[in-house]
Amino acid sequence: MTKSPAPRRHLPTSPFRAPADPLVKHFALGDRVSHDRHGLGRIIGVEDGIAMLVDFGSLRARIVSPYAGMDKL
């Protein structure tokens, strides 16, 4: 079993910009959302800062933070 290497740290003297931290999106129970893969849905469950349970009509999916591809309507 191999471990993935730790991410490289940014040196303050580097001429390159530090990588930007991803913005954390905030959703609440009952919010209508749009997902790139699953389409339109409604949030039916919240795990604080970890994941959201979303009902997309034909399926229920657990979307993990940072909620890439999901936007609030």
PDB file of N, CA and C in Angstrom:
ATOM      1  N   MET A   1       0.842  -1.162   0.000  1.00  0.00           N
ATOM      2  CA  MET A   1       0.000   0.000   0.000  1.00  0.00           C
ATOM      3  C   MET A   1       0.895   1.236   0.000  1.00  0.00           C
ATOM      4  N   THR A   2       0.708   2.109  -0.970  1.00  0.00           N
ATOM      5  CA  THR A   2       1.523   3.312  -1.047  1.00  0.00           C
ATOM      6  C   THR A   2       0.709   4.523  -0.646  1.00  0.00           C
ATOM      7  N   LYS A   3       1.378   5.450   0.002  1.00  0.00           N
ATOM      8  CA  LYS A   3       0.720   6.685   0.397  1.00  0.00           C
ATOM      9  C   LYS A   3       1.005   7.751  -0.650  1.00  0.00           C
ATOM     10  N   SER A   4       0.038   8.644  -0.848  1.00  0.00           N
ATOM     11  CA  SER A   4       0.277   9.730  -1.788  1.00  0.00           C
ATOM     12  C   SER A   4       1.196  10.750  -1.122  1.00  0.00           C
ATOM     13  N   PRO A   5       2.048  11.386  -1.895  1.00  0.00           N
ATOM     14  CA  PRO A   5       2.979  12.345  -1.301  1.00  0.00           C
ATOM     15  C   PRO A   5       2.231  13.562  -0.762  1.00  0.00           C
ATOM     16  N   ALA A   6       2.825  14.175   0.242  1.00  0.00           N
ATOM     17  CA  ALA A   6       2.229  15.384   0.821  1.00  0.00           C
ATOM     18  C   ALA A   6       2.306  16.508  -0.203  1.00  0.00           C
ATOM     19  N   PRO A   7       1.322  17.409  -0.198  1.00  0.00           N
ATOM     20  CA  PRO A   7       1.377  18.511  -1.159  1.00  0.00           C
ATOM     21  C   PRO A   7       2.578  19.409  -0.872  1.00  0.00           C
ATOM     22  N   ARG A   8       3.135  19.949  -1.916  1.00  0.00           N
ATOM     23  CA  ARG A   8       4.295  20.823  -1.753  1.00  0.00           C
ATOM     24  C   ARG A   8       3.868  22.131  -1.109  1.00  0.00           C
ATOM     25  N   ARG A   9       4.688  22.625  -0.207  1.00  0.00           N
ATOM     26  CA  ARG A   9       4.364  23.889   0.447  1.00  0.00           C
ATOM     27  C   ARG A   9       4.885  25.038  -0.395  1.00  0.00           C
ATOM     28  N   HIS A  10       4.272  26.182  -0.251  1.00  0.00           N
ATOM     29  CA  HIS A  10       4.658  27.369  -1.004  1.00  0.00           C
ATOM     30  C   HIS A  10       5.681  28.159  -0.202  1.00  0.00           C
ATOM     31  N   LEU A  11       6.814  28.445  -0.808  1.00  0.00           N
ATOM     32  CA  LEU A  11       7.843  29.226  -0.141  1.00  0.00           C
ATOM     33  C   LEU A  11       7.545  30.718  -0.295  1.00  0.00           C
ATOM     34  N   PRO A  12       7.716  31.505   0.768  1.00  0.00           N
ATOM     35  CA  PRO A  12       7.410  32.937   0.684  1.00  0.00           C
ATOM     36  C   PRO A  12       8.295  33.683  -0.308  1.00  0.00           C
ATOM     37  N   THR A  13       9.458  33.161  -0.614  1.00  0.00           N
ATOM     38  CA  THR A  13      10.365  33.830  -1.554  1.00  0.00           C
ATOM     39  C   THR A  13      10.141  33.389  -3.002  1.00  0.00           C
ATOM     40  N   SER A  14       9.173  32.534  -3.241  1.00  0.00           N
ATOM     41  CA  SER A  14       8.906  32.030  -4.579  1.00  0.00           C
ATOM     42  C   SER A  14       8.332  33.133  -5.472  1.00  0.00           C
ATOM     43  N   PRO A  15       8.765  33.185  -6.743  1.00  0.00           N
ATOM     44  CA  PRO A  15       8.208  34.187  -7.656  1.00  0.00           C
ATOM     45  C   PRO A  15       6.812  33.809  -8.167  1.00  0.00           C
ATOM     46  N   PHE A  16       6.354  32.615  -7.852  1.00  0.00           N
ATOM     47  CA  PHE A  16       5.054  32.151  -8.311  1.00  0.00           C
ATOM     48  C   PHE A  16       4.002  32.356  -7.228  1.00  0.00           C
ATOM     49  N   ARG A  17       2.766  32.533  -7.630  1.00  0.00           N
ATOM     50  CA  ARG A  17       1.676  32.724  -6.674  1.00  0.00           C
ATOM     51  C   ARG A  17       1.376  31.420  -5.942  1.00  0.00           C
ATOM     52  N   ALA A  18       0.944  31.583  -4.711  1.00  0.00           N
ATOM     53  CA  ALA A  18       0.528  30.416  -3.934  1.00  0.00           C
ATOM     54  C   ALA A  18      -0.794  29.909  -4.506  1.00  0.00           C
ATOM     55  N   PRO A  19      -1.008  28.599  -4.499  1.00  0.00           N
ATOM     56  CA  PRO A  19      -2.286  28.075  -5.000  1.00  0.00           C
ATOM     57  C   PRO A  19      -3.432  28.589  -4.132  1.00  0.00           C
ATOM     58  N   ALA A  20      -4.511  28.944  -4.782  1.00  0.00           N
ATOM     59  CA  ALA A  20      -5.672  29.489  -4.072  1.00  0.00           C
ATOM     60  C   ALA A  20      -6.431  28.364  -3.378  1.00  0.00           C
ATOM     61  N   ASP A  21      -6.886  28.622  -2.160  1.00  0.00           N
ATOM     62  CA  ASP A  21      -7.709  27.652  -1.446  1.00  0.00           C
ATOM     63  C   ASP A  21      -9.100  27.643  -2.070  1.00  0.00           C
ATOM     64  N   PRO A  22      -9.699  26.462  -2.253  1.00  0.00           N
ATOM     65  CA  PRO A  22     -11.043  26.414  -2.843  1.00  0.00           C
ATOM     66  C   PRO A  22     -12.054  27.068  -1.904  1.00  0.00           C
ATOM     67  N   LEU A  23     -12.987  27.808  -2.492  1.00  0.00           N
ATOM     68  CA  LEU A  23     -14.030  28.441  -1.698  1.00  0.00           C
ATOM     69  C   LEU A  23     -15.020  27.385  -1.224  1.00  0.00           C
ATOM     70  N   VAL A  24     -15.377  27.466   0.041  1.00  0.00           N
ATOM     71  CA  VAL A  24     -16.330  26.519   0.599  1.00  0.00           C
ATOM     72  C   VAL A  24     -17.732  27.062   0.372  1.00  0.00           C
ATOM     73  N   LYS A  25     -18.556  26.277  -0.287  1.00  0.00           N
ATOM     74  CA  LYS A  25     -19.925  26.696  -0.557  1.00  0.00           C
ATOM     75  C   LYS A  25     -20.799  26.301   0.622  1.00  0.00           C
ATOM     76  N   HIS A  26     -21.778  27.136   0.942  1.00  0.00           N
ATOM     77  CA  HIS A  26     -22.674  26.879   2.058  1.00  0.00           C
ATOM     78  C   HIS A  26     -24.079  26.592   1.536  1.00  0.00           C
ATOM     79  N   PHE A  27     -24.629  25.469   1.966  1.00  0.00           N
ATOM     80  CA  PHE A  27     -25.974  25.075   1.593  1.00  0.00           C
ATOM     81  C   PHE A  27     -26.759  24.774   2.859  1.00  0.00           C
ATOM     82  N   ALA A  28     -28.067  24.911   2.778  1.00  0.00           N
ATOM     83  CA  ALA A  28     -28.933  24.638   3.921  1.00  0.00           C
ATOM     84  C   ALA A  28     -29.977  23.600   3.525  1.00  0.00           C
ATOM     85  N   LEU A  29     -30.581  23.004   4.516  1.00  0.00           N
ATOM     86  CA  LEU A  29     -31.631  22.014   4.301  1.00  0.00           C
ATOM     87  C   LEU A  29     -32.775  22.645   3.522  1.00  0.00           C
ATOM     88  N   GLY A  30     -33.194  21.998   2.453  1.00  0.00           N
ATOM     89  CA  GLY A  30     -34.301  22.491   1.639  1.00  0.00           C
ATOM     90  C   GLY A  30     -33.890  23.346   0.457  1.00  0.00           C
ATOM     91  N   ASP A  31     -32.608  23.697   0.333  1.00  0.00           N
ATOM     92  CA  ASP A  31     -32.148  24.511  -0.797  1.00  0.00           C
ATOM     93  C   ASP A  31     -32.297  23.734  -2.099  1.00  0.00           C
ATOM     94  N   ARG A  32     -32.693  24.457  -3.153  1.00  0.00           N
ATOM     95  CA  ARG A  32     -32.723  23.876  -4.492  1.00  0.00           C
ATOM     96  C   ARG A  32     -31.332  24.054  -5.085  1.00  0.00           C
ATOM     97  N   VAL A  33     -30.809  23.006  -5.719  1.00  0.00           N
ATOM     98  CA  VAL A  33     -29.456  23.041  -6.269  1.00  0.00           C
ATOM     99  C   VAL A  33     -29.432  22.490  -7.688  1.00  0.00           C
ATOM    100  N   SER A  34     -28.382  22.833  -8.390  1.00  0.00           N
ATOM    101  CA  SER A  34     -28.114  22.296  -9.714  1.00  0.00           C
ATOM    102  C   SER A  34     -26.746  21.634  -9.667  1.00  0.00           C
ATOM    103  N   HIS A  35     -26.656  20.405 -10.159  1.00  0.00           N
ATOM    104  CA  HIS A  35     -25.398  19.664 -10.168  1.00  0.00           C
ATOM    105  C   HIS A  35     -25.031  19.370 -11.610  1.00  0.00           C
ATOM    106  N   ASP A  36     -23.743  19.457 -11.920  1.00  0.00           N
ATOM    107  CA  ASP A  36     -23.275  19.249 -13.292  1.00  0.00           C
ATOM    108  C   ASP A  36     -23.620  17.869 -13.834  1.00  0.00           C
ATOM    109  N   ARG A  37     -23.541  16.837 -13.018  1.00  0.00           N
ATOM    110  CA  ARG A  37     -23.769  15.476 -13.479  1.00  0.00           C
ATOM    111  C   ARG A  37     -25.214  15.010 -13.266  1.00  0.00           C
ATOM    112  N   HIS A  38     -25.803  15.342 -12.104  1.00  0.00           N
ATOM    113  CA  HIS A  38     -27.108  14.795 -11.733  1.00  0.00           C
ATOM    114  C   HIS A  38     -28.292  15.688 -12.069  1.00  0.00           C
ATOM    115  N   GLY A  39     -28.075  16.976 -12.312  1.00  0.00           N
ATOM    116  CA  GLY A  39     -29.164  17.884 -12.680  1.00  0.00           C
ATOM    117  C   GLY A  39     -29.724  18.635 -11.483  1.00  0.00           C
ATOM    118  N   LEU A  40     -31.045  18.894 -11.527  1.00  0.00           N
ATOM    119  CA  LEU A  40     -31.711  19.669 -10.481  1.00  0.00           C
ATOM    120  C   LEU A  40     -32.085  18.787  -9.306  1.00  0.00           C
ATOM    121  N   GLY A  41     -31.968  19.352  -8.099  1.00  0.00           N
ATOM    122  CA  GLY A  41     -32.301  18.587  -6.908  1.00  0.00           C
ATOM    123  C   GLY A  41     -32.586  19.483  -5.724  1.00  0.00           C
ATOM    124  N   ARG A  42     -32.916  18.844  -4.596  1.00  0.00           N
ATOM    125  CA  ARG A  42     -33.200  19.549  -3.351  1.00  0.00           C
ATOM    126  C   ARG A  42     -32.420  18.866  -2.232  1.00  0.00           C
ATOM    127  N   ILE A  43     -31.810  19.667  -1.348  1.00  0.00           N
ATOM    128  CA  ILE A  43     -31.030  19.121  -0.238  1.00  0.00           C
ATOM    129  C   ILE A  43     -31.986  18.582   0.817  1.00  0.00           C
ATOM    130  N   ILE A  44     -31.811  17.294   1.155  1.00  0.00           N
ATOM    131  CA  ILE A  44     -32.685  16.656   2.138  1.00  0.00           C
ATOM    132  C   ILE A  44     -31.938  16.223   3.390  1.00  0.00           C
ATOM    133  N   GLY A  45     -30.613  16.335   3.371  1.00  0.00           N
ATOM    134  CA  GLY A  45     -29.823  15.961   4.545  1.00  0.00           C
ATOM    135  C   GLY A  45     -28.516  16.726   4.581  1.00  0.00           C
ATOM    136  N   VAL A  46     -28.086  17.062   5.799  1.00  0.00           N
ATOM    137  CA  VAL A  46     -26.861  17.845   5.968  1.00  0.00           C
ATOM    138  C   VAL A  46     -25.951  17.161   6.970  1.00  0.00           C
ATOM    139  N   GLU A  47     -24.695  16.943   6.582  1.00  0.00           N
ATOM    140  CA  GLU A  47     -23.646  16.497   7.495  1.00  0.00           C
ATOM    141  C   GLU A  47     -22.692  17.674   7.605  1.00  0.00           C
ATOM    142  N   ASP A  48     -22.658  18.331   8.753  1.00  0.00           N
ATOM    143  CA  ASP A  48     -21.940  19.594   8.947  1.00  0.00           C
ATOM    144  C   ASP A  48     -20.545  19.599   8.335  1.00  0.00           C
ATOM    145  N   GLY A  49     -20.386  20.369   7.250  1.00  0.00           N
ATOM    146  CA  GLY A  49     -19.090  20.556   6.617  1.00  0.00           C
ATOM    147  C   GLY A  49     -18.507  19.341   5.928  1.00  0.00           C
ATOM    148  N   ILE A  50     -19.232  18.229   5.918  1.00  0.00           N
ATOM    149  CA  ILE A  50     -18.693  16.998   5.341  1.00  0.00           C
ATOM    150  C   ILE A  50     -19.379  16.652   4.027  1.00  0.00           C
ATOM    151  N   ALA A  51     -20.709  16.588   4.034  1.00  0.00           N
ATOM    152  CA  ALA A  51     -21.441  16.160   2.849  1.00  0.00           C
ATOM    153  C   ALA A  51     -22.886  16.623   2.910  1.00  0.00           C
ATOM    154  N   MET A  52     -23.558  16.547   1.761  1.00  0.00           N
ATOM    155  CA  MET A  52     -24.980  16.857   1.639  1.00  0.00           C
ATOM    156  C   MET A  52     -25.667  15.673   0.972  1.00  0.00           C
ATOM    157  N   LEU A  53     -26.855  15.348   1.461  1.00  0.00           N
ATOM    158  CA  LEU A  53     -27.671  14.336   0.812  1.00  0.00           C
ATOM    159  C   LEU A  53     -28.677  15.084  -0.050  1.00  0.00           C
ATOM    160  N   VAL A  54     -28.646  14.814  -1.359  1.00  0.00           N
ATOM    161  CA  VAL A  54     -29.461  15.564  -2.308  1.00  0.00           C
ATOM    162  C   VAL A  54     -30.389  14.611  -3.039  1.00  0.00           C
ATOM    163  N   ASP A  55     -31.674  15.003  -3.125  1.00  0.00           N
ATOM    164  CA  ASP A  55     -32.684  14.234  -3.855  1.00  0.00           C
ATOM    165  C   ASP A  55     -32.795  14.818  -5.256  1.00  0.00           C
ATOM    166  N   PHE A  56     -32.406  14.028  -6.262  1.00  0.00           N
ATOM    167  CA  PHE A  56     -32.464  14.465  -7.648  1.00  0.00           C
ATOM    168  C   PHE A  56     -33.666  13.879  -8.374  1.00  0.00           C
ATOM    169  N   GLY A  57     -34.661  13.419  -7.653  1.00  0.00           N
ATOM    170  CA  GLY A  57     -35.853  12.846  -8.270  1.00  0.00           C
ATOM    171  C   GLY A  57     -35.694  11.353  -8.453  1.00  0.00           C
ATOM    172  N   SER A  58     -34.916  10.942  -9.432  1.00  0.00           N
ATOM    173  CA  SER A  58     -34.746   9.519  -9.706  1.00  0.00           C
ATOM    174  C   SER A  58     -33.683   8.873  -8.828  1.00  0.00           C
ATOM    175  N   LEU A  59     -32.849   9.683  -8.166  1.00  0.00           N
ATOM    176  CA  LEU A  59     -31.838   9.124  -7.288  1.00  0.00           C
ATOM    177  C   LEU A  59     -31.501  10.092  -6.170  1.00  0.00           C
ATOM    178  N   ARG A  60     -30.986   9.545  -5.091  1.00  0.00           N
ATOM    179  CA  ARG A  60     -30.489  10.347  -3.987  1.00  0.00           C
ATOM    180  C   ARG A  60     -28.985  10.151  -3.943  1.00  0.00           C
ATOM    181  N   ALA A  61     -28.254  11.264  -3.882  1.00  0.00           N
ATOM    182  CA  ALA A  61     -26.799  11.191  -3.915  1.00  0.00           C
ATOM    183  C   ALA A  61     -26.215  11.940  -2.732  1.00  0.00           C
ATOM    184  N   ARG A  62     -25.104  11.416  -2.222  1.00  0.00           N
ATOM    185  CA  ARG A  62     -24.356  12.075  -1.152  1.00  0.00           C
ATOM    186  C   ARG A  62     -23.204  12.815  -1.823  1.00  0.00           C
ATOM    187  N   ILE A  63     -23.280  14.147  -1.791  1.00  0.00           N
ATOM    188  CA  ILE A  63     -22.281  14.990  -2.423  1.00  0.00           C
ATOM    189  C   ILE A  63     -21.314  15.458  -1.335  1.00  0.00           C
ATOM    190  N   VAL A  64     -20.021  15.177  -1.518  1.00  0.00           N
ATOM    191  CA  VAL A  64     -19.004  15.452  -0.512  1.00  0.00           C
ATOM    192  C   VAL A  64     -18.424  16.855  -0.716  1.00  0.00           C
ATOM    193  N   SER A  65     -18.070  17.509   0.405  1.00  0.00           N
ATOM    194  CA  SER A  65     -17.455  18.833   0.374  1.00  0.00           C
ATOM    195  C   SER A  65     -16.157  18.767  -0.410  1.00  0.00           C
ATOM    196  N   PRO A  66     -15.804  19.711  -1.214  1.00  0.00           N
ATOM    197  CA  PRO A  66     -16.210  21.102  -1.382  1.00  0.00           C
ATOM    198  C   PRO A  66     -17.328  21.298  -2.396  1.00  0.00           C
ATOM    199  N   TYR A  67     -18.126  20.294  -2.654  1.00  0.00           N
ATOM    200  CA  TYR A  67     -19.327  20.387  -3.492  1.00  0.00           C
ATOM    201  C   TYR A  67     -19.014  20.875  -4.900  1.00  0.00           C
ATOM    202  N   ALA A  68     -17.998  20.299  -5.521  1.00  0.00           N
ATOM    203  CA  ALA A  68     -17.626  20.680  -6.876  1.00  0.00           C
ATOM    204  C   ALA A  68     -18.768  20.361  -7.843  1.00  0.00           C
ATOM    205  N   GLY A  69     -19.072  21.298  -8.692  1.00  0.00           N
ATOM    206  CA  GLY A  69     -20.120  21.085  -9.685  1.00  0.00           C
ATOM    207  C   GLY A  69     -21.520  21.311  -9.177  1.00  0.00           C
ATOM    208  N   MET A  70     -21.691  21.763  -7.935  1.00  0.00           N
ATOM    209  CA  MET A  70     -23.031  21.982  -7.391  1.00  0.00           C
ATOM    210  C   MET A  70     -23.187  23.459  -7.059  1.00  0.00           C
ATOM    211  N   ASP A  71     -24.284  24.040  -7.512  1.00  0.00           N
ATOM    212  CA  ASP A  71     -24.568  25.460  -7.291  1.00  0.00           C
ATOM    213  C   ASP A  71     -25.967  25.628  -6.738  1.00  0.00           C
ATOM    214  N   LYS A  72     -26.144  26.647  -5.885  1.00  0.00           N
ATOM    215  CA  LYS A  72     -27.450  26.957  -5.316  1.00  0.00           C
ATOM    216  C   LYS A  72     -28.271  27.710  -6.342  1.00  0.00           C
ATOM    217  N   LEU A  73     -29.548  27.387  -6.423  1.00  0.00           N
ATOM    218  CA  LEU A  73     -30.448  28.102  -7.347  1.00  0.00           C
ATOM    219  C   LEU A  73     -31.166  29.216  -6.629  1.00  0.00           C
TER     220      LEU A  73
END
